[in-house]
Full PDB file with SEQRES, HELIX, SHEET, SSBOND, CRYST1, ORIGX, SCALE, CONECT and MASTER records, all heavy atoms in Angstrom:
SEQRES   1 A   31  GLN ALA GLY GLY SER LEU ARG LEU SER CYS VAL ALA SER          
SEQRES   2 A   31  GLY SER ILE SER SER PHE ALA SER MET GLY TRP TYR ARG          
SEQRES   3 A   31  GLN ALA PRO GLY LYS                                          
CRYST1    1.000    1.000    1.000  90.00  90.00  90.00 P 1           1          
ORIGX1      1.000000  0.000000  0.000000        0.00000                         
ORIGX2      0.000000  1.000000  0.000000        0.00000                         
ORIGX3      0.000000  0.000000  1.000000        0.00000                         
SCALE1      1.000000  0.000000  0.000000        0.00000                         
SCALE2      0.000000  1.000000  0.000000        0.00000                         
SCALE3      0.000000  0.000000  1.000000        0.00000                         
ATOM      1  N   GLN A   1     -49.968  24.971  13.150  1.00  0.00           N  
ATOM      2  CA  GLN A   1     -49.192  23.843  13.550  1.00  0.00           C  
ATOM      3  C   GLN A   1     -49.913  22.513  13.241  1.00  0.00           C  
ATOM      4  O   GLN A   1     -51.102  22.488  13.189  1.00  0.00           O  
ATOM      5  CB  GLN A   1     -48.884  23.931  15.051  1.00  0.00           C  
ATOM      6  CG  GLN A   1     -47.973  25.095  15.440  1.00  0.00           C  
ATOM      7  CD  GLN A   1     -47.663  25.069  16.892  1.00  0.00           C  
ATOM      8  OE1 GLN A   1     -48.324  24.545  17.740  1.00  0.00           O  
ATOM      9  NE2 GLN A   1     -46.541  25.742  17.245  1.00  0.00           N  
ATOM     10  N   ALA A   2     -49.140  21.485  13.122  1.00  0.00           N  
ATOM     11  CA  ALA A   2     -49.730  20.135  12.938  1.00  0.00           C  
ATOM     12  C   ALA A   2     -50.763  19.836  14.043  1.00  0.00           C  
ATOM     13  O   ALA A   2     -50.476  20.120  15.192  1.00  0.00           O  
ATOM     14  CB  ALA A   2     -48.638  19.113  12.899  1.00  0.00           C  
ATOM     15  N   GLY A   3     -51.888  19.335  13.591  1.00  0.00           N  
ATOM     16  CA  GLY A   3     -52.949  18.980  14.560  1.00  0.00           C  
ATOM     17  C   GLY A   3     -53.957  20.133  14.593  1.00  0.00           C  
ATOM     18  O   GLY A   3     -55.040  19.932  15.234  1.00  0.00           O  
ATOM     19  N   GLY A   4     -53.636  21.251  14.021  1.00  0.00           N  
ATOM     20  CA  GLY A   4     -54.548  22.438  14.137  1.00  0.00           C  
ATOM     21  C   GLY A   4     -55.636  22.361  13.084  1.00  0.00           C  
ATOM     22  O   GLY A   4     -55.762  21.407  12.303  1.00  0.00           O  
ATOM     23  N   SER A   5     -56.418  23.445  13.046  1.00  0.00           N  
ATOM     24  CA  SER A   5     -57.514  23.547  12.143  1.00  0.00           C  
ATOM     25  C   SER A   5     -57.584  24.888  11.395  1.00  0.00           C  
ATOM     26  O   SER A   5     -57.083  25.874  11.900  1.00  0.00           O  
ATOM     27  CB  SER A   5     -58.875  23.392  12.890  1.00  0.00           C  
ATOM     28  OG  SER A   5     -58.941  22.105  13.541  1.00  0.00           O  
ATOM     29  N   LEU A   6     -58.194  24.861  10.237  1.00  0.00           N  
ATOM     30  CA  LEU A   6     -58.477  26.035   9.445  1.00  0.00           C  
ATOM     31  C   LEU A   6     -59.770  25.826   8.683  1.00  0.00           C  
ATOM     32  O   LEU A   6     -60.118  24.691   8.395  1.00  0.00           O  
ATOM     33  CB  LEU A   6     -57.357  26.311   8.424  1.00  0.00           C  
ATOM     34  CG  LEU A   6     -55.982  26.917   8.824  1.00  0.00           C  
ATOM     35  CD1 LEU A   6     -55.019  26.936   7.608  1.00  0.00           C  
ATOM     36  CD2 LEU A   6     -56.248  28.320   9.363  1.00  0.00           C  
ATOM     37  N   ARG A   7     -60.464  26.935   8.437  1.00  0.00           N  
ATOM     38  CA  ARG A   7     -61.600  26.915   7.568  1.00  0.00           C  
ATOM     39  C   ARG A   7     -61.467  27.827   6.386  1.00  0.00           C  
ATOM     40  O   ARG A   7     -61.257  29.053   6.586  1.00  0.00           O  
ATOM     41  CB  ARG A   7     -62.923  27.341   8.341  1.00  0.00           C  
ATOM     42  CG  ARG A   7     -64.195  27.057   7.558  1.00  0.00           C  
ATOM     43  CD  ARG A   7     -65.464  27.521   8.232  1.00  0.00           C  
ATOM     44  NE  ARG A   7     -65.525  29.004   8.250  1.00  0.00           N  
ATOM     45  CZ  ARG A   7     -66.651  29.675   8.516  1.00  0.00           C  
ATOM     46  NH1 ARG A   7     -67.733  29.054   8.839  1.00  0.00           N  
ATOM     47  NH2 ARG A   7     -66.648  31.001   8.468  1.00  0.00           N  
ATOM     48  N   LEU A   8     -61.496  27.299   5.210  1.00  0.00           N  
ATOM     49  CA  LEU A   8     -61.393  28.030   4.000  1.00  0.00           C  
ATOM     50  C   LEU A   8     -62.811  28.406   3.498  1.00  0.00           C  
ATOM     51  O   LEU A   8     -63.744  27.679   3.656  1.00  0.00           O  
ATOM     52  CB  LEU A   8     -60.704  27.249   2.890  1.00  0.00           C  
ATOM     53  CG  LEU A   8     -59.341  26.687   3.298  1.00  0.00           C  
ATOM     54  CD1 LEU A   8     -58.713  25.984   2.027  1.00  0.00           C  
ATOM     55  CD2 LEU A   8     -58.407  27.772   3.798  1.00  0.00           C  
ATOM     56  N   SER A   9     -62.892  29.595   2.893  1.00  0.00           N  
ATOM     57  CA  SER A   9     -64.137  30.033   2.321  1.00  0.00           C  
ATOM     58  C   SER A   9     -63.943  30.422   0.865  1.00  0.00           C  
ATOM     59  O   SER A   9     -62.875  30.860   0.471  1.00  0.00           O  
ATOM     60  CB  SER A   9     -64.699  31.236   3.113  1.00  0.00           C  
ATOM     61  OG  SER A   9     -64.965  30.931   4.405  1.00  0.00           O  
ATOM     62  N   CYS A  10     -64.963  30.232   0.091  1.00  0.00           N  
ATOM     63  CA  CYS A  10     -64.932  30.621  -1.340  1.00  0.00           C  
ATOM     64  C   CYS A  10     -66.240  31.260  -1.715  1.00  0.00           C  
ATOM     65  O   CYS A  10     -67.282  30.591  -1.588  1.00  0.00           O  
ATOM     66  CB  CYS A  10     -64.590  29.419  -2.229  1.00  0.00           C  
ATOM     67  SG  CYS A  10     -64.737  29.736  -4.000  1.00  0.00           S  
ATOM     68  N   VAL A  11     -66.234  32.473  -2.188  1.00  0.00           N  
ATOM     69  CA  VAL A  11     -67.402  33.170  -2.550  1.00  0.00           C  
ATOM     70  C   VAL A  11     -67.492  33.221  -4.087  1.00  0.00           C  
ATOM     71  O   VAL A  11     -66.518  33.709  -4.745  1.00  0.00           O  
ATOM     72  CB  VAL A  11     -67.496  34.558  -2.004  1.00  0.00           C  
ATOM     73  CG1 VAL A  11     -68.778  35.314  -2.479  1.00  0.00           C  
ATOM     74  CG2 VAL A  11     -67.425  34.516  -0.504  1.00  0.00           C  
ATOM     75  N   ALA A  12     -68.577  32.777  -4.681  1.00  0.00           N  
ATOM     76  CA  ALA A  12     -68.785  32.825  -6.146  1.00  0.00           C  
ATOM     77  C   ALA A  12     -69.647  33.966  -6.554  1.00  0.00           C  
ATOM     78  O   ALA A  12     -70.620  34.301  -5.869  1.00  0.00           O  
ATOM     79  CB  ALA A  12     -69.326  31.490  -6.627  1.00  0.00           C  
ATOM     80  N   SER A  13     -69.399  34.515  -7.718  1.00  0.00           N  
ATOM     81  CA  SER A  13     -70.199  35.598  -8.292  1.00  0.00           C  
ATOM     82  C   SER A  13     -70.216  35.437  -9.802  1.00  0.00           C  
ATOM     83  O   SER A  13     -69.359  34.749 -10.396  1.00  0.00           O  
ATOM     84  CB  SER A  13     -69.709  36.949  -7.866  1.00  0.00           C  
ATOM     85  OG  SER A  13     -68.368  37.227  -8.322  1.00  0.00           O  
ATOM     86  N   GLY A  14     -71.186  36.068 -10.436  1.00  0.00           N  
ATOM     87  CA  GLY A  14     -71.272  36.053 -11.889  1.00  0.00           C  
ATOM     88  C   GLY A  14     -72.456  35.161 -12.392  1.00  0.00           C  
ATOM     89  O   GLY A  14     -73.457  35.097 -11.662  1.00  0.00           O  
ATOM     90  N   SER A  15     -72.254  34.486 -13.414  1.00  0.00           N  
ATOM     91  CA  SER A  15     -73.284  33.615 -14.040  1.00  0.00           C  
ATOM     92  C   SER A  15     -73.304  32.316 -13.375  1.00  0.00           C  
ATOM     93  O   SER A  15     -72.826  31.243 -13.903  1.00  0.00           O  
ATOM     94  CB  SER A  15     -72.977  33.530 -15.565  1.00  0.00           C  
ATOM     95  OG  SER A  15     -73.040  34.745 -16.181  1.00  0.00           O  
ATOM     96  N   ILE A  16     -73.856  32.190 -12.218  1.00  0.00           N  
ATOM     97  CA  ILE A  16     -73.836  30.977 -11.359  1.00  0.00           C  
ATOM     98  C   ILE A  16     -75.092  30.192 -11.565  1.00  0.00           C  
ATOM     99  O   ILE A  16     -76.195  30.746 -11.468  1.00  0.00           O  
ATOM    100  CB  ILE A  16     -73.694  31.427  -9.895  1.00  0.00           C  
ATOM    101  CG1 ILE A  16     -72.398  32.193  -9.695  1.00  0.00           C  
ATOM    102  CG2 ILE A  16     -73.624  30.127  -9.045  1.00  0.00           C  
ATOM    103  CD1 ILE A  16     -72.355  32.905  -8.319  1.00  0.00           C  
ATOM    104  N   SER A  17     -74.901  28.934 -11.792  1.00  0.00           N  
ATOM    105  CA  SER A  17     -76.002  27.980 -11.809  1.00  0.00           C  
ATOM    106  C   SER A  17     -76.233  27.375 -10.451  1.00  0.00           C  
ATOM    107  O   SER A  17     -75.260  26.926  -9.788  1.00  0.00           O  
ATOM    108  CB  SER A  17     -75.725  26.853 -12.825  1.00  0.00           C  
ATOM    109  OG  SER A  17     -76.769  25.818 -12.703  1.00  0.00           O  
ATOM    110  N   SER A  18     -77.476  27.327  -9.990  1.00  0.00           N  
ATOM    111  CA  SER A  18     -77.755  26.744  -8.670  1.00  0.00           C  
ATOM    112  C   SER A  18     -77.612  25.275  -8.643  1.00  0.00           C  
ATOM    113  O   SER A  18     -77.557  24.657  -7.604  1.00  0.00           O  
ATOM    114  CB  SER A  18     -79.195  27.141  -8.264  1.00  0.00           C  
ATOM    115  OG  SER A  18     -80.154  26.640  -9.188  1.00  0.00           O  
ATOM    116  N   PHE A  19     -77.424  24.696  -9.838  1.00  0.00           N  
ATOM    117  CA  PHE A  19     -77.266  23.202  -9.911  1.00  0.00           C  
ATOM    118  C   PHE A  19     -75.787  22.775 -10.006  1.00  0.00           C  
ATOM    119  O   PHE A  19     -75.505  21.580  -9.990  1.00  0.00           O  
ATOM    120  CB  PHE A  19     -78.032  22.679 -11.078  1.00  0.00           C  
ATOM    121  CG  PHE A  19     -79.517  22.835 -11.029  1.00  0.00           C  
ATOM    122  CD1 PHE A  19     -80.146  23.881 -11.688  1.00  0.00           C  
ATOM    123  CD2 PHE A  19     -80.294  21.978 -10.252  1.00  0.00           C  
ATOM    124  CE1 PHE A  19     -81.532  24.001 -11.594  1.00  0.00           C  
ATOM    125  CE2 PHE A  19     -81.640  22.134 -10.196  1.00  0.00           C  
ATOM    126  CZ  PHE A  19     -82.264  23.161 -10.828  1.00  0.00           C  
ATOM    127  N   ALA A  20     -74.897  23.710 -10.076  1.00  0.00           N  
ATOM    128  CA  ALA A  20     -73.456  23.391 -10.241  1.00  0.00           C  
ATOM    129  C   ALA A  20     -72.865  22.825  -8.984  1.00  0.00           C  
ATOM    130  O   ALA A  20     -73.144  23.335  -7.849  1.00  0.00           O  
ATOM    131  CB  ALA A  20     -72.706  24.644 -10.722  1.00  0.00           C  
ATOM    132  N   SER A  21     -71.992  21.836  -9.147  1.00  0.00           N  
ATOM    133  CA  SER A  21     -71.238  21.392  -8.035  1.00  0.00           C  
ATOM    134  C   SER A  21     -70.062  22.397  -7.781  1.00  0.00           C  
ATOM    135  O   SER A  21     -69.676  23.187  -8.677  1.00  0.00           O  
ATOM    136  CB  SER A  21     -70.600  20.036  -8.287  1.00  0.00           C  
ATOM    137  OG  SER A  21     -71.604  19.057  -8.443  1.00  0.00           O  
ATOM    138  N   MET A  22     -69.454  22.377  -6.580  1.00  0.00           N  
ATOM    139  CA  MET A  22     -68.281  23.194  -6.288  1.00  0.00           C  
ATOM    140  C   MET A  22     -67.349  22.311  -5.528  1.00  0.00           C  
ATOM    141  O   MET A  22     -67.714  21.339  -4.811  1.00  0.00           O  
ATOM    142  CB  MET A  22     -68.713  24.430  -5.477  1.00  0.00           C  
ATOM    143  CG  MET A  22     -69.610  25.376  -6.220  1.00  0.00           C  
ATOM    144  SD  MET A  22     -69.941  26.843  -5.260  1.00  0.00           S  
ATOM    145  CE  MET A  22     -68.294  27.657  -5.444  1.00  0.00           C  
ATOM    146  N   GLY A  23     -66.047  22.610  -5.675  1.00  0.00           N  
ATOM    147  CA  GLY A  23     -65.017  21.746  -5.062  1.00  0.00           C  
ATOM    148  C   GLY A  23     -63.805  22.522  -4.674  1.00  0.00           C  
ATOM    149  O   GLY A  23     -63.666  23.708  -4.879  1.00  0.00           O  
ATOM    150  N   TRP A  24     -62.964  21.812  -3.980  1.00  0.00           N  
ATOM    151  CA  TRP A  24     -61.643  22.248  -3.563  1.00  0.00           C  
ATOM    152  C   TRP A  24     -60.524  21.328  -4.134  1.00  0.00           C  
ATOM    153  O   TRP A  24     -60.690  20.103  -4.119  1.00  0.00           O  
ATOM    154  CB  TRP A  24     -61.522  22.301  -2.024  1.00  0.00           C  
ATOM    155  CG  TRP A  24     -62.366  23.358  -1.371  1.00  0.00           C  
ATOM    156  CD1 TRP A  24     -63.613  23.197  -0.894  1.00  0.00           C  
ATOM    157  CD2 TRP A  24     -61.984  24.676  -1.250  1.00  0.00           C  
ATOM    158  NE1 TRP A  24     -64.025  24.420  -0.396  1.00  0.00           N  
ATOM    159  CE2 TRP A  24     -63.047  25.364  -0.573  1.00  0.00           C  
ATOM    160  CE3 TRP A  24     -60.769  25.415  -1.504  1.00  0.00           C  
ATOM    161  CZ2 TRP A  24     -62.978  26.737  -0.217  1.00  0.00           C  
ATOM    162  CZ3 TRP A  24     -60.814  26.796  -1.138  1.00  0.00           C  
ATOM    163  CH2 TRP A  24     -61.894  27.374  -0.495  1.00  0.00           C  
ATOM    164  N   TYR A  25     -59.506  21.931  -4.600  1.00  0.00           N  
ATOM    165  CA  TYR A  25     -58.291  21.257  -5.058  1.00  0.00           C  
ATOM    166  C   TYR A  25     -57.105  21.915  -4.424  1.00  0.00           C  
ATOM    167  O   TYR A  25     -57.170  22.966  -3.898  1.00  0.00           O  
ATOM    168  CB  TYR A  25     -58.156  21.404  -6.603  1.00  0.00           C  
ATOM    169  CG  TYR A  25     -59.195  20.637  -7.390  1.00  0.00           C  
ATOM    170  CD1 TYR A  25     -60.524  21.044  -7.396  1.00  0.00           C  
ATOM    171  CD2 TYR A  25     -58.834  19.479  -8.121  1.00  0.00           C  
ATOM    172  CE1 TYR A  25     -61.458  20.289  -8.121  1.00  0.00           C  
ATOM    173  CE2 TYR A  25     -59.820  18.788  -8.879  1.00  0.00           C  
ATOM    174  CZ  TYR A  25     -61.090  19.193  -8.847  1.00  0.00           C  
ATOM    175  OH  TYR A  25     -62.020  18.491  -9.587  1.00  0.00           O  
ATOM    176  N   ARG A  26     -55.979  21.237  -4.471  1.00  0.00           N  
ATOM    177  CA  ARG A  26     -54.790  21.768  -3.889  1.00  0.00           C  
ATOM    178  C   ARG A  26     -53.533  21.437  -4.705  1.00  0.00           C  
ATOM    179  O   ARG A  26     -53.518  20.429  -5.396  1.00  0.00           O  
ATOM    180  CB  ARG A  26     -54.560  21.326  -2.391  1.00  0.00           C  
ATOM    181  CG  ARG A  26     -54.277  19.833  -2.274  1.00  0.00           C  
ATOM    182  CD  ARG A  26     -54.293  19.460  -0.781  1.00  0.00           C  
ATOM    183  NE  ARG A  26     -53.963  18.053  -0.556  1.00  0.00           N  
ATOM    184  CZ  ARG A  26     -54.032  17.423   0.591  1.00  0.00           C  
ATOM    185  NH1 ARG A  26     -54.302  18.066   1.726  1.00  0.00           N  
ATOM    186  NH2 ARG A  26     -53.702  16.134   0.665  1.00  0.00           N  
ATOM    187  N   GLN A  27     -52.504  22.275  -4.588  1.00  0.00           N  
ATOM    188  CA  GLN A  27     -51.301  22.002  -5.326  1.00  0.00           C  
ATOM    189  C   GLN A  27     -50.115  22.386  -4.421  1.00  0.00           C  
ATOM    190  O   GLN A  27     -49.957  23.549  -4.023  1.00  0.00           O  
ATOM    191  CB  GLN A  27     -51.241  22.873  -6.617  1.00  0.00           C  
ATOM    192  CG  GLN A  27     -50.055  22.515  -7.496  1.00  0.00           C  
ATOM    193  CD  GLN A  27     -50.217  23.130  -8.924  1.00  0.00           C  
ATOM    194  OE1 GLN A  27     -50.981  24.016  -9.110  1.00  0.00           O  
ATOM    195  NE2 GLN A  27     -49.503  22.556  -9.839  1.00  0.00           N  
ATOM    196  N   ALA A  28     -49.268  21.381  -4.188  1.00  0.00           N  
ATOM    197  CA  ALA A  28     -48.069  21.555  -3.409  1.00  0.00           C  
ATOM    198  C   ALA A  28     -46.860  21.777  -4.394  1.00  0.00           C  
ATOM    199  O   ALA A  28     -46.908  21.343  -5.506  1.00  0.00           O  
ATOM    200  CB  ALA A  28     -47.755  20.375  -2.516  1.00  0.00           C  
ATOM    201  N   PRO A  29     -45.818  22.418  -3.892  1.00  0.00           N  
ATOM    202  CA  PRO A  29     -44.623  22.650  -4.720  1.00  0.00           C  
ATOM    203  C   PRO A  29     -44.089  21.285  -5.309  1.00  0.00           C  
ATOM    204  O   PRO A  29     -43.960  20.323  -4.504  1.00  0.00           O  
ATOM    205  CB  PRO A  29     -43.614  23.308  -3.804  1.00  0.00           C  
ATOM    206  CG  PRO A  29     -44.397  23.981  -2.818  1.00  0.00           C  
ATOM    207  CD  PRO A  29     -45.639  23.051  -2.568  1.00  0.00           C  
ATOM    208  N   GLY A  30     -43.872  21.241  -6.610  1.00  0.00           N  
ATOM    209  CA  GLY A  30     -43.314  20.047  -7.179  1.00  0.00           C  
ATOM    210  C   GLY A  30     -44.345  19.003  -7.513  1.00  0.00           C  
ATOM    211  O   GLY A  30     -44.022  17.924  -8.025  1.00  0.00           O  
ATOM    212  N   LYS A  31     -45.574  19.309  -7.212  1.00  0.00           N  
ATOM    213  CA  LYS A  31     -46.664  18.268  -7.471  1.00  0.00           C  
ATOM    214  C   LYS A  31     -47.738  18.895  -8.337  1.00  0.00           C  
ATOM    215  O   LYS A  31     -47.880  20.121  -8.490  1.00  0.00           O  
ATOM    216  CB  LYS A  31     -47.331  17.878  -6.131  1.00  0.00           C  
ATOM    217  CG  LYS A  31     -46.372  17.135  -5.160  1.00  0.00           C  
ATOM    218  CD  LYS A  31     -47.188  16.670  -3.903  1.00  0.00           C  
ATOM    219  CE  LYS A  31     -46.262  15.850  -3.107  1.00  0.00           C  
ATOM    220  NZ  LYS A  31     -46.997  15.355  -1.848  1.00  0.00           N  
TER     221      LYS A  31                                                      
MASTER        0    0    0    0    0    0    0    6  220    1    0    3          
END                                                                             
């Protein structure tokens, strides 16, 4: 509900560089 909270997690694996940045993006319908 509006006003609430969530925590998203993302686990990376493979050829990972310890110097790489990581980010979050989002996409809504029609955008």
